[in-house]
Amino acid sequence: MSVNKEIREELFRLRDVGYRAFQIKLIPTVDPETVIGVRTPVLRDYAKRLSKIPEAAEYLRELPHQFFDENQLHAFMISAIKDYTVCIGEVEKFLPYIDNWATCDQLSPKIFKKHRSELLDRIRIWIKSDHIYTVRFGIGMLMEHFLDEDYDTVYPEMVSEIRSDEYYINMMIAWYFATALAKQYDTILPYLENRRLDKWTHNKAIQKSIESRRITPEQKIYLKSLKVKNQ
């Protein structure tokens, strides 16, 4: 039996039917028939076990996958790769096959933290992609790795220049600016004061900021006043 078939059989053995019904509602862009229903912590543990065996490389070569859970597993396995060159190669191969926000957001290689300068070059390419989830992933990596000690005002500028009609891109832009407000309030606030984002994303960023515990009550009052009302 091939390793891919063994993995699929194990995923079906690990499924949680109740969780599957809940999960389907969260990922409307995914065909429900492709959702097995394995809980995320269980998938993470399984990915760790698989990453320790030589056959894992065979599974990563098997694209596209048939099931959503297989893509989730694939994302977790890539995220555990400790060699940056190998990891970035697998990320580039996998990105075109990502078709939903959940898999996109689960892809978060730990090794990226040690290779931020090289990562930034990739991010600049990703955010200009024609593929929805490649752009979303690029924004997510800027949010995860470049809002603290490696922060530069050029990064929110990069995100603010992205224009898209795609919900899952605009939601990530809003999430980026809400997170950036919590970490770099003074340099991020002008993007909202000067309405640098499209109206929907602008308002969504403010909404997410107001919901954050990292934004002070005084800041929330001011941010509410910046909401763009319907004309």
Protein backbone atom coordinates (compact mmCIF):
# COMPACT_ATOMS: atom_id res chain seq x y z
CA MET A 1 0.00 0.00 0.00
CA SER A 2 1.34 3.48 -0.91
CA VAL A 3 2.09 5.95 1.85
CA ASN A 4 -0.57 8.31 0.45
CA LYS A 5 -3.26 5.67 0.69
CA GLU A 6 -2.16 4.77 4.22
CA ILE A 7 -2.36 8.42 5.25
CA ARG A 8 -5.82 8.84 3.77
CA GLU A 9 -7.08 5.75 5.57
CA GLU A 10 -5.65 7.07 8.84
CA LEU A 11 -7.36 10.43 8.32
CA PHE A 12 -10.71 8.71 7.90
CA ARG A 13 -10.01 6.69 11.03
CA LEU A 14 -9.33 9.94 12.93
CA ARG A 15 -12.42 11.77 11.68
CA ASP A 16 -14.96 13.38 13.99
CA VAL A 17 -18.35 13.50 12.28
CA GLY A 18 -19.71 16.20 14.58
CA TYR A 19 -16.69 18.40 14.04
CA ARG A 20 -16.95 17.86 10.28
CA ALA A 21 -20.44 19.41 10.23
CA PHE A 22 -19.14 22.41 12.17
CA GLN A 23 -16.06 22.79 10.00
CA ILE A 24 -17.97 22.75 6.72
CA LYS A 25 -19.77 25.94 7.76
CA LEU A 26 -16.47 27.73 8.31
CA ILE A 27 -14.99 27.02 4.88
CA PRO A 28 -17.71 27.83 2.31
CA THR A 29 -15.27 27.80 -0.62
CA VAL A 30 -14.50 24.12 -0.02
CA ASP A 31 -16.62 21.29 -1.43
CA PRO A 32 -18.22 19.61 1.64
CA GLU A 33 -17.60 16.22 0.06
CA THR A 34 -13.86 16.78 0.42
CA VAL A 35 -14.01 17.44 4.18
CA ILE A 36 -13.12 14.39 6.28
CA GLY A 37 -13.49 16.12 9.64
CA VAL A 38 -10.24 15.63 11.57
CA ARG A 39 -9.78 18.08 14.42
CA THR A 40 -6.86 20.50 14.09
CA PRO A 41 -4.89 19.33 17.19
CA VAL A 42 -5.17 15.75 15.97
CA LEU A 43 -3.91 16.76 12.52
CA ARG A 44 -0.98 18.62 14.07
CA ASP A 45 0.03 15.59 16.10
CA TYR A 46 -0.28 13.33 13.07
CA ALA A 47 1.84 15.74 11.00
CA LYS A 48 4.58 15.63 13.65
CA ARG A 49 4.63 11.85 13.56
CA LEU A 50 4.69 11.74 9.76
CA SER A 51 7.48 14.31 9.52
CA LYS A 52 9.82 11.90 11.27
CA ILE A 53 9.57 9.18 8.63
CA PRO A 54 11.31 9.13 5.21
CA GLU A 55 8.02 8.51 3.39
CA ALA A 56 6.87 12.02 4.32
CA ALA A 57 8.68 13.41 1.28
CA GLU A 58 6.57 11.17 -0.96
CA TYR A 59 3.39 12.61 0.52
CA LEU A 60 4.55 16.19 -0.08
CA ARG A 61 5.11 15.36 -3.73
CA GLU A 62 1.52 14.17 -4.10
CA LEU A 63 -0.30 17.27 -5.39
CA PRO A 64 -3.07 18.06 -5.78
CA HIS A 65 -4.72 16.28 -2.88
CA GLN A 66 -8.30 15.09 -3.04
CA PHE A 67 -9.40 16.05 0.49
CA PHE A 68 -9.35 19.27 2.51
CA ASP A 69 -7.84 17.47 5.49
CA GLU A 70 -5.00 16.23 3.31
CA ASN A 71 -4.18 19.83 2.43
CA GLN A 72 -4.31 20.78 6.10
CA LEU A 73 -1.95 17.93 6.93
CA HIS A 74 0.33 19.03 4.09
CA ALA A 75 0.45 22.59 5.52
CA PHE A 76 1.36 21.33 8.98
CA MET A 77 4.09 19.08 7.60
CA ILE A 78 5.66 21.94 5.63
CA SER A 79 5.47 24.16 8.71
CA ALA A 80 7.64 21.68 10.61
CA ILE A 81 10.48 21.54 8.05
CA LYS A 82 13.70 22.80 9.68
CA ASP A 83 15.76 23.48 6.55
CA TYR A 84 14.83 26.90 5.10
CA THR A 85 15.78 26.09 1.51
CA VAL A 86 13.78 22.87 1.55
CA CYS A 87 10.89 24.56 3.34
CA ILE A 88 10.58 27.52 0.98
CA GLY A 89 10.70 25.14 -1.95
CA GLU A 90 7.80 23.14 -0.56
CA VAL A 91 5.86 26.33 0.20
CA GLU A 92 6.24 27.53 -3.39
CA LYS A 93 5.05 24.18 -4.73
CA PHE A 94 2.06 24.09 -2.39
CA LEU A 95 0.76 27.68 -2.61
CA PRO A 96 -0.93 27.31 -6.03
CA TYR A 97 -3.03 24.42 -4.67
CA ILE A 98 -4.38 26.25 -1.62
CA ASP A 99 -8.08 26.95 -2.18
CA ASN A 100 -9.34 28.17 1.20
CA TRP A 101 -8.49 30.54 4.04
CA ALA A 102 -8.04 27.81 6.66
CA THR A 103 -5.26 25.96 4.87
CA CYS A 104 -3.65 29.27 3.94
CA ASP A 105 -3.58 30.45 7.53
CA GLN A 106 -2.37 27.13 8.93
CA LEU A 107 0.72 27.29 6.73
CA SER A 108 3.23 28.96 9.04
CA PRO A 109 6.76 27.54 8.88
CA LYS A 110 8.69 28.00 12.11
CA ILE A 111 12.00 28.25 10.26
CA PHE A 112 10.91 31.56 8.68
CA LYS A 113 11.73 33.36 11.94
CA LYS A 114 15.44 32.74 11.35
CA HIS A 115 15.41 33.83 7.70
CA ARG A 116 13.44 37.05 7.63
CA SER A 117 15.60 38.86 5.08
CA GLU A 118 15.21 36.06 2.52
CA LEU A 119 11.54 35.73 3.40
CA LEU A 120 10.88 39.39 2.69
CA ASP A 121 11.99 38.97 -0.92
CA ARG A 122 9.44 36.19 -1.34
CA ILE A 123 6.70 38.20 0.33
CA ARG A 124 7.15 41.01 -2.18
CA ILE A 125 6.47 38.49 -4.94
CA TRP A 126 3.58 36.73 -3.20
CA ILE A 127 1.53 39.86 -2.56
CA LYS A 128 1.60 40.64 -6.28
CA SER A 129 0.33 37.20 -7.27
CA ASP A 130 -2.88 36.59 -9.23
CA HIS A 131 -3.72 33.76 -6.84
CA ILE A 132 -6.01 34.77 -3.95
CA TYR A 133 -4.44 32.64 -1.26
CA THR A 134 -0.85 33.37 -2.29
CA VAL A 135 -1.57 37.07 -1.73
CA ARG A 136 -3.31 36.29 1.57
CA PHE A 137 -0.35 34.17 2.66
CA GLY A 138 2.11 36.94 1.83
CA ILE A 139 0.16 39.47 3.89
CA GLY A 140 -0.08 36.94 6.72
CA MET A 141 3.68 36.46 6.74
CA LEU A 142 4.22 40.24 6.90
CA MET A 143 1.83 40.35 9.84
CA GLU A 144 3.47 37.45 11.64
CA HIS A 145 7.13 38.32 11.15
CA PHE A 146 7.42 42.06 10.49
CA LEU A 147 5.37 43.94 13.06
CA ASP A 148 7.75 43.71 15.98
CA GLU A 149 11.54 44.10 16.11
CA ASP A 150 11.89 43.93 12.32
CA TYR A 151 9.13 46.45 11.68
CA ASP A 152 9.59 49.12 9.03
CA THR A 153 7.01 51.66 7.84
CA VAL A 154 7.50 50.43 4.30
CA TYR A 155 5.64 47.20 5.15
CA PRO A 156 2.17 48.64 5.87
CA GLU A 157 2.69 50.76 2.77
CA MET A 158 3.10 47.55 0.76
CA VAL A 159 -0.14 46.15 2.17
CA SER A 160 -2.10 49.38 1.72
CA GLU A 161 -1.30 49.38 -1.99
CA ILE A 162 -2.98 46.01 -2.55
CA ARG A 163 -6.34 46.39 -4.27
CA SER A 164 -8.65 43.43 -4.75
CA ASP A 165 -12.31 42.50 -5.03
CA GLU A 166 -11.60 39.24 -3.23
CA TYR A 167 -13.13 38.91 0.23
CA TYR A 168 -10.37 36.69 1.61
CA ILE A 169 -7.66 39.12 0.55
CA ASN A 170 -9.44 42.18 1.92
CA MET A 171 -10.20 40.39 5.18
CA MET A 172 -6.50 39.66 5.62
CA ILE A 173 -5.61 43.28 4.86
CA ALA A 174 -8.07 44.36 7.55
CA TRP A 175 -6.62 41.81 9.96
CA TYR A 176 -3.12 43.07 9.17
CA PHE A 177 -3.99 46.69 9.94
CA ALA A 178 -5.91 45.78 13.10
CA THR A 179 -2.89 43.84 14.36
CA ALA A 180 -0.52 46.59 13.25
CA LEU A 181 -2.56 49.15 15.20
CA ALA A 182 -2.09 47.07 18.34
CA LYS A 183 1.68 46.91 17.83
CA GLN A 184 2.61 50.08 15.94
CA TYR A 185 -0.30 52.40 16.66
CA ASP A 186 1.31 55.77 15.91
CA THR A 187 2.60 54.87 12.45
CA ILE A 188 -0.49 52.89 11.44
CA LEU A 189 -3.19 55.32 12.56
CA PRO A 190 -2.64 57.72 9.60
CA TYR A 191 -3.71 54.96 7.20
CA LEU A 192 -7.16 55.16 8.73
CA GLU A 193 -7.20 58.90 9.34
CA ASN A 194 -6.33 59.50 5.69
CA ARG A 195 -8.55 56.67 4.39
CA ARG A 196 -5.75 54.86 2.61
CA LEU A 197 -7.77 51.64 2.40
CA ASP A 198 -10.97 50.94 0.48
CA LYS A 199 -14.13 51.60 2.50
CA TRP A 200 -15.01 47.99 3.37
CA THR A 201 -11.45 47.11 4.44
CA HIS A 202 -11.11 50.38 6.34
CA ASN A 203 -14.25 49.70 8.38
CA LYS A 204 -13.39 46.06 8.92
CA ALA A 205 -9.93 46.97 10.23
CA ILE A 206 -11.54 49.36 12.70
CA GLN A 207 -14.08 46.73 13.74
CA LYS A 208 -11.38 44.15 14.39
CA SER A 209 -9.31 46.71 16.31
CA ILE A 210 -12.25 47.62 18.52
CA GLU A 211 -12.70 43.93 19.31
CA SER A 212 -9.04 43.62 20.36
CA ARG A 213 -7.96 43.64 23.99
CA ARG A 214 -4.67 45.19 22.94
CA ILE A 215 -6.33 48.48 21.95
CA THR A 216 -7.02 50.88 24.82
CA PRO A 217 -10.54 52.17 25.54
CA GLU A 218 -9.45 55.67 24.52
CA GLN A 219 -8.04 54.40 21.24
CA LYS A 220 -11.26 52.48 20.55
CA ILE A 221 -13.36 55.62 21.01
CA TYR A 222 -11.21 57.49 18.50
CA LEU A 223 -11.14 54.60 16.02
CA LYS A 224 -14.94 54.41 16.09
CA SER A 225 -15.05 58.05 15.03
CA LEU A 226 -13.00 57.16 11.93
CA LYS A 227 -15.55 54.71 10.55
CA VAL A 228 -16.77 55.58 7.08
CA LYS A 229 -20.53 55.73 7.12
CA ASN A 230 -22.67 54.60 4.19
CA GLN A 231 -23.33 57.42 1.78
